[in-house]
Amino acid sequence: MTQRRSFEIGTGLFILLGFAALGYLATQTTSLANYRQGPTYALKARFTNIGQLKLRAPVKVAGVRIGSVQTIELEPDRLEALVTLAIDKRFSQLPDDSAAAVFTSGLLGDQYVALQPGGSPEMFKDGDEVVLTQSSMQLEELIGKYLVGGNSPGKNEKDDAKASGTN
C-alpha cells in the first residue's frame, strides 16, 4: 500500500515538473521573461525595412538590454516604419547623435534594435527621434545576391568583355 502511494506521489511530482518546464519554455520563447515594467522614456526611429522585428524585441547597447520595442507603425505619408523604443530611465545618458540599427541574433535568431552611442554632449529626451538609422539586412536578399553573382558594375563589364572577346 505504501509503495503504491509513493509511486503516485512520484508520478504527480514528475507531471508538475513537466508543466513547470513547459511554462518556463513558453516565457523564454515569447520574450515575457525579459518584460518588466519600470520607468522608461520613449525614443522614436524610422526604418525603411524592419524585417521581422516584433513588439517587445530587445533594444541593446553594446549587447546589453536597455529597453524594448514598444510600438511599430507604418507611416502612410513616408511609407516607413516608425518604431517607438521604451528605454529604461537608468540609461538616460544616451547622446542625441546615437545611431540605431536592426540586427539579427545569430544566423536565424530574433531581431533586435542596437543603439550605438555617439559623441554629442546633448542627451536624448523623452519623445526624441533617432535620426541615424540602418534598416534590417535580409538574409534572403544576401543569398540572392550571392547566387546571382551580385550587381557590381565592374564584374558585369568583365563578363561582357569576355563574351565579346575584347579585353
N, C-alpha and C. Protein backbone atom coordinates (compact mmCIF):
# COMPACT_ATOMS: atom_id res chain seq x y z
N MET A 1 0.81 -1.19 0.00
CA MET A 1 0.00 0.00 0.00
C MET A 1 0.86 1.26 0.00
N THR A 2 1.90 1.30 0.83
CA THR A 2 2.76 2.48 0.88
C THR A 2 3.60 2.61 -0.38
N GLN A 3 3.93 1.45 -1.00
CA GLN A 3 4.70 1.51 -2.24
C GLN A 3 3.86 2.14 -3.35
N ARG A 4 2.59 1.82 -3.41
CA ARG A 4 1.69 2.39 -4.41
C ARG A 4 1.53 3.90 -4.18
N ARG A 5 1.43 4.29 -2.93
CA ARG A 5 1.28 5.72 -2.59
C ARG A 5 2.53 6.51 -3.01
N SER A 6 3.70 5.98 -2.74
CA SER A 6 4.92 6.70 -3.14
C SER A 6 5.03 6.76 -4.66
N PHE A 7 4.56 5.73 -5.37
CA PHE A 7 4.56 5.75 -6.83
C PHE A 7 3.63 6.86 -7.34
N GLU A 8 2.48 7.04 -6.72
CA GLU A 8 1.54 8.09 -7.13
C GLU A 8 2.12 9.48 -6.88
N ILE A 9 2.76 9.65 -5.74
CA ILE A 9 3.37 10.95 -5.43
C ILE A 9 4.51 11.25 -6.40
N GLY A 10 5.32 10.25 -6.72
CA GLY A 10 6.41 10.44 -7.68
C GLY A 10 5.88 10.81 -9.07
N THR A 11 4.81 10.16 -9.48
CA THR A 11 4.21 10.47 -10.78
C THR A 11 3.65 11.89 -10.80
N GLY A 12 2.99 12.26 -9.71
CA GLY A 12 2.44 13.63 -9.62
C GLY A 12 3.54 14.68 -9.67
N LEU A 13 4.65 14.44 -8.95
CA LEU A 13 5.78 15.39 -8.99
C LEU A 13 6.39 15.47 -10.39
N PHE A 14 6.48 14.33 -11.07
CA PHE A 14 7.02 14.32 -12.43
C PHE A 14 6.15 15.15 -13.36
N ILE A 15 4.84 15.02 -13.24
CA ILE A 15 3.92 15.81 -14.08
C ILE A 15 4.02 17.29 -13.75
N LEU A 16 4.12 17.63 -12.46
CA LEU A 16 4.27 19.04 -12.07
C LEU A 16 5.56 19.64 -12.63
N LEU A 17 6.66 18.89 -12.58
CA LEU A 17 7.92 19.38 -13.14
C LEU A 17 7.81 19.56 -14.66
N GLY A 18 7.07 18.66 -15.32
CA GLY A 18 6.86 18.81 -16.77
C GLY A 18 6.12 20.09 -17.10
N PHE A 19 5.06 20.40 -16.34
CA PHE A 19 4.31 21.63 -16.58
C PHE A 19 5.16 22.86 -16.26
N ALA A 20 5.97 22.78 -15.21
CA ALA A 20 6.85 23.91 -14.88
C ALA A 20 7.86 24.15 -16.00
N ALA A 21 8.39 23.07 -16.57
CA ALA A 21 9.34 23.22 -17.68
C ALA A 21 8.66 23.83 -18.91
N LEU A 22 7.44 23.41 -19.20
CA LEU A 22 6.70 23.99 -20.33
C LEU A 22 6.42 25.47 -20.10
N GLY A 23 6.06 25.83 -18.88
CA GLY A 23 5.83 27.26 -18.57
C GLY A 23 7.09 28.08 -18.72
N TYR A 24 8.21 27.52 -18.28
CA TYR A 24 9.49 28.22 -18.43
C TYR A 24 9.83 28.42 -19.91
N LEU A 25 9.67 27.37 -20.70
CA LEU A 25 9.95 27.49 -22.13
C LEU A 25 9.03 28.49 -22.81
N ALA A 26 7.78 28.52 -22.41
CA ALA A 26 6.83 29.47 -23.01
C ALA A 26 7.23 30.90 -22.73
N THR A 27 7.69 31.19 -21.51
CA THR A 27 8.10 32.56 -21.20
C THR A 27 9.40 32.93 -21.91
N GLN A 28 10.29 31.97 -22.10
CA GLN A 28 11.56 32.26 -22.77
C GLN A 28 11.38 32.49 -24.26
N THR A 29 10.50 31.75 -24.90
CA THR A 29 10.33 31.88 -26.35
C THR A 29 9.46 33.07 -26.73
N THR A 30 8.66 33.58 -25.81
CA THR A 30 7.81 34.72 -26.14
C THR A 30 8.36 36.03 -25.59
N SER A 31 9.56 36.03 -25.06
CA SER A 31 10.22 37.22 -24.51
C SER A 31 9.48 37.79 -23.31
N LEU A 32 8.61 37.01 -22.67
CA LEU A 32 7.94 37.51 -21.48
C LEU A 32 8.89 37.54 -20.29
N ALA A 33 9.94 36.74 -20.33
CA ALA A 33 10.88 36.72 -19.22
C ALA A 33 11.60 38.05 -19.09
N ASN A 34 11.83 38.71 -20.22
CA ASN A 34 12.54 39.98 -20.19
C ASN A 34 11.62 41.18 -20.10
N TYR A 35 10.34 40.92 -19.99
CA TYR A 35 9.38 42.01 -19.96
C TYR A 35 9.21 42.48 -18.53
N ARG A 36 9.49 43.72 -18.30
CA ARG A 36 9.28 44.28 -16.98
C ARG A 36 8.85 45.72 -17.14
N GLN A 37 8.05 46.14 -16.24
CA GLN A 37 7.55 47.50 -16.27
C GLN A 37 8.32 48.32 -15.27
N GLY A 38 9.06 49.24 -15.72
CA GLY A 38 9.77 50.16 -14.87
C GLY A 38 9.66 51.52 -15.51
N PRO A 39 10.21 52.52 -14.90
CA PRO A 39 10.17 53.84 -15.53
C PRO A 39 10.99 53.85 -16.82
N THR A 40 10.37 54.27 -17.89
CA THR A 40 11.03 54.31 -19.19
C THR A 40 10.80 55.67 -19.84
N TYR A 41 11.58 55.94 -20.86
CA TYR A 41 11.32 57.08 -21.74
C TYR A 41 11.32 56.58 -23.17
N ALA A 42 10.63 57.31 -24.04
CA ALA A 42 10.41 56.86 -25.41
C ALA A 42 11.35 57.54 -26.37
N LEU A 43 11.88 56.75 -27.29
CA LEU A 43 12.64 57.26 -28.43
C LEU A 43 11.97 56.73 -29.68
N LYS A 44 11.98 57.51 -30.74
CA LYS A 44 11.40 57.08 -32.00
C LYS A 44 12.51 56.92 -33.03
N ALA A 45 12.32 55.97 -33.92
CA ALA A 45 13.27 55.73 -35.00
C ALA A 45 12.50 55.29 -36.24
N ARG A 46 12.93 55.78 -37.39
CA ARG A 46 12.29 55.41 -38.65
C ARG A 46 13.23 54.49 -39.44
N PHE A 47 12.64 53.43 -39.97
CA PHE A 47 13.42 52.47 -40.76
C PHE A 47 12.69 52.21 -42.07
N THR A 48 13.44 52.01 -43.13
CA THR A 48 12.81 51.65 -44.40
C THR A 48 12.44 50.18 -44.44
N ASN A 49 13.13 49.36 -43.64
CA ASN A 49 12.81 47.93 -43.57
C ASN A 49 13.18 47.44 -42.18
N ILE A 50 12.20 46.88 -41.46
CA ILE A 50 12.47 46.37 -40.12
C ILE A 50 12.54 44.85 -40.11
N GLY A 51 12.35 44.21 -41.24
CA GLY A 51 12.43 42.75 -41.30
C GLY A 51 11.37 42.11 -40.43
N GLN A 52 11.78 41.25 -39.53
CA GLN A 52 10.86 40.53 -38.65
C GLN A 52 10.89 41.09 -37.22
N LEU A 53 11.20 42.36 -37.08
CA LEU A 53 11.23 42.98 -35.76
C LEU A 53 9.83 42.93 -35.15
N LYS A 54 9.74 42.56 -33.88
CA LYS A 54 8.46 42.38 -33.21
C LYS A 54 8.35 43.28 -31.99
N LEU A 55 7.13 43.42 -31.51
CA LEU A 55 6.92 44.14 -30.25
C LEU A 55 7.66 43.43 -29.14
N ARG A 56 8.15 44.18 -28.17
CA ARG A 56 8.91 43.70 -27.02
C ARG A 56 10.28 43.13 -27.41
N ALA A 57 10.71 43.35 -28.66
CA ALA A 57 12.06 42.94 -29.04
C ALA A 57 13.06 43.77 -28.25
N PRO A 58 14.19 43.22 -27.90
CA PRO A 58 15.15 43.96 -27.09
C PRO A 58 15.79 45.14 -27.83
N VAL A 59 16.12 46.15 -27.05
CA VAL A 59 16.94 47.27 -27.51
C VAL A 59 18.24 47.17 -26.72
N LYS A 60 19.35 47.10 -27.44
CA LYS A 60 20.63 46.84 -26.78
C LYS A 60 21.65 47.92 -27.09
N VAL A 61 22.52 48.14 -26.12
CA VAL A 61 23.72 48.95 -26.30
C VAL A 61 24.89 48.07 -25.88
N ALA A 62 25.84 47.86 -26.79
CA ALA A 62 26.99 47.01 -26.53
C ALA A 62 26.57 45.61 -26.11
N GLY A 63 25.45 45.12 -26.64
CA GLY A 63 24.97 43.78 -26.34
C GLY A 63 24.19 43.65 -25.06
N VAL A 64 24.01 44.75 -24.32
CA VAL A 64 23.27 44.71 -23.05
C VAL A 64 21.89 45.30 -23.28
N ARG A 65 20.87 44.61 -22.81
CA ARG A 65 19.49 45.05 -22.99
C ARG A 65 19.22 46.28 -22.13
N ILE A 66 18.73 47.35 -22.78
CA ILE A 66 18.42 48.57 -22.03
C ILE A 66 16.96 48.98 -22.22
N GLY A 67 16.23 48.24 -23.04
CA GLY A 67 14.84 48.58 -23.28
C GLY A 67 14.20 47.59 -24.23
N SER A 68 13.04 47.99 -24.76
CA SER A 68 12.32 47.10 -25.67
C SER A 68 11.55 47.92 -26.69
N VAL A 69 11.13 47.25 -27.75
CA VAL A 69 10.32 47.89 -28.78
C VAL A 69 8.89 48.01 -28.25
N GLN A 70 8.39 49.23 -28.22
CA GLN A 70 7.07 49.47 -27.64
C GLN A 70 5.97 49.42 -28.71
N THR A 71 6.17 50.12 -29.82
CA THR A 71 5.18 50.10 -30.90
C THR A 71 5.88 50.08 -32.25
N ILE A 72 5.17 49.54 -33.22
CA ILE A 72 5.65 49.56 -34.61
C ILE A 72 4.48 50.01 -35.46
N GLU A 73 4.67 51.08 -36.20
CA GLU A 73 3.60 51.62 -37.05
C GLU A 73 4.16 51.91 -38.43
N LEU A 74 3.29 51.91 -39.41
CA LEU A 74 3.67 52.32 -40.76
C LEU A 74 3.15 53.73 -40.98
N GLU A 75 4.07 54.62 -41.33
CA GLU A 75 3.66 55.99 -41.62
C GLU A 75 3.16 56.06 -43.05
N PRO A 76 1.89 56.40 -43.25
CA PRO A 76 1.33 56.37 -44.60
C PRO A 76 1.95 57.39 -45.54
N ASP A 77 2.36 58.55 -45.04
CA ASP A 77 2.90 59.58 -45.93
C ASP A 77 4.33 59.28 -46.36
N ARG A 78 5.13 58.68 -45.51
CA ARG A 78 6.54 58.39 -45.83
C ARG A 78 6.78 56.94 -46.24
N LEU A 79 5.81 56.06 -45.94
CA LEU A 79 5.94 54.62 -46.19
C LEU A 79 7.19 54.05 -45.52
N GLU A 80 7.39 54.47 -44.29
CA GLU A 80 8.48 53.96 -43.46
C GLU A 80 7.90 53.44 -42.16
N ALA A 81 8.63 52.54 -41.54
CA ALA A 81 8.20 52.01 -40.25
C ALA A 81 8.66 52.97 -39.15
N LEU A 82 7.72 53.36 -38.32
CA LEU A 82 8.03 54.21 -37.17
C LEU A 82 8.03 53.31 -35.94
N VAL A 83 9.20 53.15 -35.36
CA VAL A 83 9.37 52.26 -34.22
C VAL A 83 9.59 53.10 -32.98
N THR A 84 8.79 52.84 -31.95
CA THR A 84 8.95 53.53 -30.68
C THR A 84 9.66 52.60 -29.71
N LEU A 85 10.76 53.09 -29.15
CA LEU A 85 11.59 52.31 -28.24
C LEU A 85 11.35 52.79 -26.82
N ALA A 86 11.10 51.87 -25.92
CA ALA A 86 10.96 52.20 -24.49
C ALA A 86 12.30 51.90 -23.82
N ILE A 87 13.01 52.97 -23.45
CA ILE A 87 14.35 52.83 -22.87
C ILE A 87 14.25 53.02 -21.36
N ASP A 88 14.90 52.14 -20.63
CA ASP A 88 14.92 52.22 -19.17
C ASP A 88 15.53 53.56 -18.74
N LYS A 89 14.91 54.21 -17.76
CA LYS A 89 15.38 55.54 -17.34
C LYS A 89 16.78 55.50 -16.74
N ARG A 90 17.23 54.31 -16.33
CA ARG A 90 18.60 54.22 -15.81
C ARG A 90 19.63 54.54 -16.89
N PHE A 91 19.18 54.42 -18.15
CA PHE A 91 20.10 54.66 -19.27
C PHE A 91 19.70 55.94 -19.99
N SER A 92 19.55 57.00 -19.26
CA SER A 92 19.12 58.27 -19.84
C SER A 92 20.29 59.10 -20.37
N GLN A 93 21.49 58.55 -20.31
CA GLN A 93 22.67 59.28 -20.77
C GLN A 93 23.09 58.87 -22.17
N LEU A 94 22.11 58.67 -23.06
CA LEU A 94 22.43 58.35 -24.46
C LEU A 94 22.59 59.64 -25.23
N PRO A 95 23.74 59.84 -25.89
CA PRO A 95 23.93 61.06 -26.69
C PRO A 95 22.90 61.14 -27.82
N ASP A 96 22.51 62.38 -28.16
CA ASP A 96 21.45 62.54 -29.15
C ASP A 96 21.91 62.32 -30.59
N ASP A 97 23.20 62.00 -30.79
CA ASP A 97 23.65 61.63 -32.13
C ASP A 97 23.90 60.13 -32.23
N SER A 98 23.28 59.36 -31.35
CA SER A 98 23.42 57.90 -31.40
C SER A 98 22.72 57.36 -32.63
N ALA A 99 23.18 56.19 -33.08
CA ALA A 99 22.60 55.55 -34.26
C ALA A 99 21.85 54.29 -33.84
N ALA A 100 20.80 53.96 -34.59
CA ALA A 100 20.02 52.75 -34.33
C ALA A 100 20.07 51.86 -35.56
N ALA A 101 20.17 50.56 -35.34
CA ALA A 101 20.20 49.59 -36.43
C ALA A 101 19.42 48.35 -36.01
N VAL A 102 18.82 47.69 -37.00
CA VAL A 102 18.11 46.43 -36.74
C VAL A 102 19.06 45.30 -37.10
N PHE A 103 19.35 44.46 -36.10
CA PHE A 103 20.24 43.32 -36.29
C PHE A 103 19.52 42.03 -35.95
N THR A 104 20.14 40.92 -36.34
CA THR A 104 19.60 39.60 -36.05
C THR A 104 20.53 38.90 -35.08
N SER A 105 19.94 38.25 -34.07
CA SER A 105 20.73 37.47 -33.12
C SER A 105 21.09 36.15 -33.78
N GLY A 106 22.33 35.95 -34.10
CA GLY A 106 22.74 34.72 -34.75
C GLY A 106 22.30 34.70 -36.21
N LEU A 107 22.40 33.54 -36.81
CA LEU A 107 22.07 33.42 -38.22
C LEU A 107 20.56 33.47 -38.46
N LEU A 108 19.80 32.81 -37.64
CA LEU A 108 18.35 32.75 -37.82
C LEU A 108 17.61 33.21 -36.57
N GLY A 109 18.24 33.96 -35.71
CA GLY A 109 17.62 34.36 -34.45
C GLY A 109 16.65 35.51 -34.61
N ASP A 110 16.10 35.94 -33.48
CA ASP A 110 15.18 37.07 -33.47
C ASP A 110 15.94 38.36 -33.75
N GLN A 111 15.20 39.35 -34.14
CA GLN A 111 15.81 40.63 -34.43
C GLN A 111 15.69 41.57 -33.24
N TYR A 112 16.61 42.49 -33.15
CA TYR A 112 16.63 43.47 -32.08
C TYR A 112 17.15 44.79 -32.62
N VAL A 113 16.96 45.84 -31.84
CA VAL A 113 17.45 47.17 -32.22
C VAL A 113 18.72 47.43 -31.41
N ALA A 114 19.79 47.74 -32.11
CA ALA A 114 21.06 48.06 -31.45
C ALA A 114 21.29 49.56 -31.55
N LEU A 115 21.62 50.17 -30.44
CA LEU A 115 21.95 51.59 -30.40
C LEU A 115 23.46 51.74 -30.24
N GLN A 116 24.04 52.58 -31.07
CA GLN A 116 25.46 52.88 -30.95
C GLN A 116 25.60 54.32 -30.50
N PRO A 117 26.10 54.54 -29.29
CA PRO A 117 26.20 55.89 -28.76
C PRO A 117 27.14 56.76 -29.60
N GLY A 118 26.76 58.00 -29.77
CA GLY A 118 27.58 58.97 -30.47
C GLY A 118 28.44 59.73 -29.47
N GLY A 119 28.90 60.89 -29.88
CA GLY A 119 29.79 61.67 -29.03
C GLY A 119 29.24 63.02 -28.63
N SER A 120 28.00 63.28 -28.89
CA SER A 120 27.41 64.58 -28.58
C SER A 120 27.28 64.79 -27.07
N PRO A 121 27.47 66.01 -26.61
CA PRO A 121 27.27 66.27 -25.18
C PRO A 121 25.78 66.35 -24.80
N GLU A 122 24.91 66.53 -25.79
CA GLU A 122 23.47 66.58 -25.53
C GLU A 122 22.91 65.15 -25.45
N MET A 123 21.95 64.95 -24.56
CA MET A 123 21.36 63.63 -24.37
C MET A 123 19.94 63.59 -24.92
N PHE A 124 19.47 62.39 -25.27
CA PHE A 124 18.09 62.22 -25.71
C PHE A 124 17.14 62.56 -24.57
N LYS A 125 15.99 63.12 -24.97
CA LYS A 125 14.91 63.37 -24.01
C LYS A 125 13.71 62.52 -24.42
N ASP A 126 12.74 62.44 -23.57
CA ASP A 126 11.54 61.66 -23.84
C ASP A 126 10.87 62.16 -25.12
N GLY A 127 10.63 61.25 -26.07
CA GLY A 127 9.96 61.60 -27.31
C GLY A 127 10.87 62.00 -28.45
N ASP A 128 12.17 62.08 -28.21
CA ASP A 128 13.11 62.45 -29.28
C ASP A 128 13.18 61.34 -30.32
N GLU A 129 13.77 61.70 -31.47
CA GLU A 129 13.88 60.74 -32.57
C GLU A 129 15.34 60.45 -32.88
N VAL A 130 15.64 59.20 -33.09
CA VAL A 130 16.97 58.78 -33.53
C VAL A 130 17.03 59.03 -35.03
N VAL A 131 17.93 59.93 -35.45
CA VAL A 131 17.98 60.33 -36.86
C VAL A 131 18.80 59.35 -37.69
N LEU A 132 19.89 58.85 -37.12
CA LEU A 132 20.77 57.93 -37.84
C LEU A 132 20.26 56.51 -37.65
N THR A 133 19.69 55.94 -38.70
CA THR A 133 19.17 54.57 -38.59
C THR A 133 19.69 53.72 -39.74
N GLN A 134 19.77 52.43 -39.49
CA GLN A 134 20.17 51.46 -40.51
C GLN A 134 19.13 50.36 -40.51
N SER A 135 18.56 50.09 -41.66
CA SER A 135 17.50 49.09 -41.76
C SER A 135 18.05 47.68 -41.64
N SER A 136 17.13 46.75 -41.56
CA SER A 136 17.47 45.35 -41.41
C SER A 136 18.08 44.79 -42.68
N MET A 137 19.09 43.92 -42.54
CA MET A 137 19.65 43.18 -43.67
C MET A 137 18.86 41.89 -43.78
N GLN A 138 18.29 41.64 -44.94
CA GLN A 138 17.51 40.43 -45.13
C GLN A 138 18.40 39.31 -45.64
N LEU A 139 18.32 38.19 -44.97
CA LEU A 139 19.13 37.03 -45.35
C LEU A 139 18.79 36.58 -46.77
N GLU A 140 17.51 36.67 -47.15
CA GLU A 140 17.10 36.25 -48.49
C GLU A 140 17.75 37.13 -49.56
N GLU A 141 17.86 38.43 -49.30
CA GLU A 141 18.49 39.33 -50.27
C GLU A 141 19.98 39.01 -50.42
N LEU A 142 20.64 38.75 -49.29
CA LEU A 142 22.07 38.43 -49.34
C LEU A 142 22.31 37.14 -50.10
N ILE A 143 21.48 36.13 -49.84
CA ILE A 143 21.63 34.85 -50.55
C ILE A 143 21.36 35.05 -52.03
N GLY A 144 20.33 35.83 -52.34
CA GLY A 144 20.01 36.09 -53.75
C GLY A 144 21.13 36.80 -54.47
N LYS A 145 21.75 37.77 -53.83
CA LYS A 145 22.87 38.48 -54.44
C LYS A 145 24.05 37.54 -54.65
N TYR A 146 24.27 36.65 -53.68
CA TYR A 146 25.38 35.71 -53.80
C TYR A 146 25.14 34.72 -54.94
N LEU A 147 23.91 34.21 -55.03
CA LEU A 147 23.61 33.22 -56.06
C LEU A 147 23.61 33.83 -57.46
N VAL A 148 23.11 35.03 -57.59
CA VAL A 148 23.05 35.68 -58.89
C VAL A 148 24.41 36.24 -59.26
N GLY A 149 25.25 36.48 -58.29
CA GLY A 149 26.58 36.98 -58.55
C GLY A 149 26.71 38.46 -58.27
N GLY A 150 25.73 39.02 -57.62
CA GLY A 150 25.80 40.42 -57.26
C GLY A 150 25.52 41.30 -58.45
N ASN A 151 25.49 42.57 -58.19
CA ASN A 151 25.22 43.51 -59.26
C ASN A 151 26.30 44.58 -59.32
N SER A 152 27.54 44.16 -59.05
CA SER A 152 28.62 45.13 -59.12
C SER A 152 28.91 45.45 -60.57
N PRO A 153 29.04 46.73 -60.92
CA PRO A 153 29.23 47.11 -62.31
C PRO A 153 30.55 46.60 -62.88
N GLY A 154 31.60 46.51 -62.11
CA GLY A 154 32.88 46.05 -62.61
C GLY A 154 32.84 44.61 -63.07
N LYS A 155 32.09 43.78 -62.35
CA LYS A 155 32.02 42.38 -62.71
C LYS A 155 31.26 42.19 -64.03
N ASN A 156 30.18 42.93 -64.22
CA ASN A 156 29.42 42.83 -65.46
C ASN A 156 30.24 43.29 -66.65
N GLU A 157 31.07 44.32 -66.48
CA GLU A 157 31.91 44.79 -67.57
C GLU A 157 32.92 43.73 -67.98
N LYS A 158 33.51 43.01 -66.98
CA LYS A 158 34.45 41.94 -67.27
C LYS A 158 33.76 40.81 -68.02
N ASP A 159 32.55 40.43 -67.55
CA ASP A 159 31.82 39.36 -68.22
C ASP A 159 31.47 39.75 -69.65
N ASP A 160 31.08 41.01 -69.88
CA ASP A 160 30.74 41.47 -71.22
C ASP A 160 31.97 41.45 -72.13
N ALA A 161 33.14 41.84 -71.56
CA ALA A 161 34.37 41.86 -72.35
C ALA A 161 34.79 40.45 -72.75
N LYS A 162 34.64 39.48 -71.82
CA LYS A 162 34.98 38.09 -72.14
C LYS A 162 34.05 37.54 -73.20
N ALA A 163 32.78 37.88 -73.11
CA ALA A 163 31.80 37.36 -74.07
C ALA A 163 32.06 37.91 -75.47
N SER A 164 32.51 39.18 -75.56
CA SER A 164 32.74 39.76 -76.89
C SER A 164 34.15 39.47 -77.42
N GLY A 165 35.03 38.92 -76.58
CA GLY A 165 36.36 38.59 -76.99
C GLY A 165 37.34 39.73 -76.89
N THR A 166 36.93 40.88 -76.42
CA THR A 166 37.83 42.02 -76.24
C THR A 166 38.29 42.05 -74.81
N ASN A 167 39.37 42.74 -74.54
CA ASN A 167 39.89 42.84 -73.20
C ASN A 167 40.24 44.21 -72.83
